[in-house]
Amino acid sequence: MGCDIPVLHLPGPTPLTSSPPVFERTPNLIIDAYRKSRDFLRAVDIDGPGVYCDPADAARFAPH
């Protein structure tokens, strides 16, 4: 993944602490994910092919 083109992996919302069928927090999760993605896109410096992600997610995308 990302060998030939840049791939942007956007950060998601803060992990859920409530039951998934409970939708009361949906608006807050959407706002949280939007803000994290917006901040990531403002800060990312694309310099050729590769996977670009939040540093907290970097270990998931490291070559094995």
Protein backbone atom coordinates (compact mmCIF):
# COMPACT_ATOMS: atom_id res chain seq x y z
CA MET A 1 0.00 0.00 0.00
CA GLY A 2 1.41 3.38 -0.97
CA CYS A 3 4.28 1.96 -3.03
CA ASP A 4 3.43 3.98 -6.15
CA ILE A 5 1.24 6.82 -4.92
CA PRO A 6 0.67 8.76 -1.69
CA VAL A 7 -2.04 7.25 0.50
CA LEU A 8 -3.56 9.41 3.23
CA HIS A 9 -5.00 7.51 6.19
CA LEU A 10 -7.25 9.93 8.04
CA PRO A 11 -7.51 9.67 11.81
CA GLY A 12 -10.82 8.54 13.22
CA PRO A 13 -12.74 9.69 16.25
CA THR A 14 -11.70 8.94 19.79
CA PRO A 15 -12.50 5.27 20.57
CA LEU A 16 -15.98 4.58 21.86
CA THR A 17 -16.57 4.17 25.55
CA SER A 18 -20.27 3.48 25.12
CA SER A 19 -22.27 0.74 23.49
CA PRO A 20 -22.20 0.91 19.66
CA PRO A 21 -26.04 0.73 19.35
CA VAL A 22 -26.33 3.90 21.48
CA PHE A 23 -26.36 6.76 18.98
CA GLU A 24 -26.50 9.69 21.43
CA ARG A 25 -22.80 10.43 20.93
CA THR A 26 -22.89 10.26 17.11
CA PRO A 27 -22.78 14.06 16.60
CA ASN A 28 -19.77 14.37 18.93
CA LEU A 29 -17.95 11.51 17.18
CA ILE A 30 -18.55 13.13 13.79
CA ILE A 31 -17.24 16.49 15.03
CA ASP A 32 -14.20 14.81 16.65
CA ALA A 33 -13.32 12.87 13.48
CA TYR A 34 -13.81 15.95 11.32
CA ARG A 35 -11.52 18.08 13.48
CA LYS A 36 -8.80 15.42 13.66
CA SER A 37 -8.94 14.89 9.89
CA ARG A 38 -8.92 18.62 9.19
CA ASP A 39 -5.90 19.17 11.43
CA PHE A 40 -4.10 16.20 9.88
CA LEU A 41 -4.71 17.45 6.34
CA ARG A 42 -3.48 20.92 7.25
CA ALA A 43 -0.27 19.54 8.73
CA VAL A 44 0.64 16.63 6.43
CA ASP A 45 3.63 17.16 4.16
CA ILE A 46 3.31 14.82 1.18
CA ASP A 47 6.73 14.03 -0.21
CA GLY A 48 6.22 11.23 -2.71
CA PRO A 49 4.67 7.77 -2.47
CA GLY A 50 3.98 6.23 0.90
CA VAL A 51 1.37 5.99 3.61
CA TYR A 52 0.80 9.22 5.50
CA CYS A 53 -1.02 8.88 8.79
CA ASP A 54 -1.30 10.26 12.27
CA PRO A 55 1.86 9.38 14.26
CA ALA A 56 -0.33 7.46 16.71
CA ASP A 57 -1.28 5.09 13.84
CA ALA A 58 2.19 4.82 12.30
CA ALA A 59 3.01 1.42 13.84
CA ARG A 60 0.04 -0.13 12.04
CA PHE A 61 1.48 0.89 8.67
CA ALA A 62 5.17 0.13 9.25
CA PRO A 63 6.67 -2.47 6.89
CA HIS A 64 6.77 -5.95 8.46
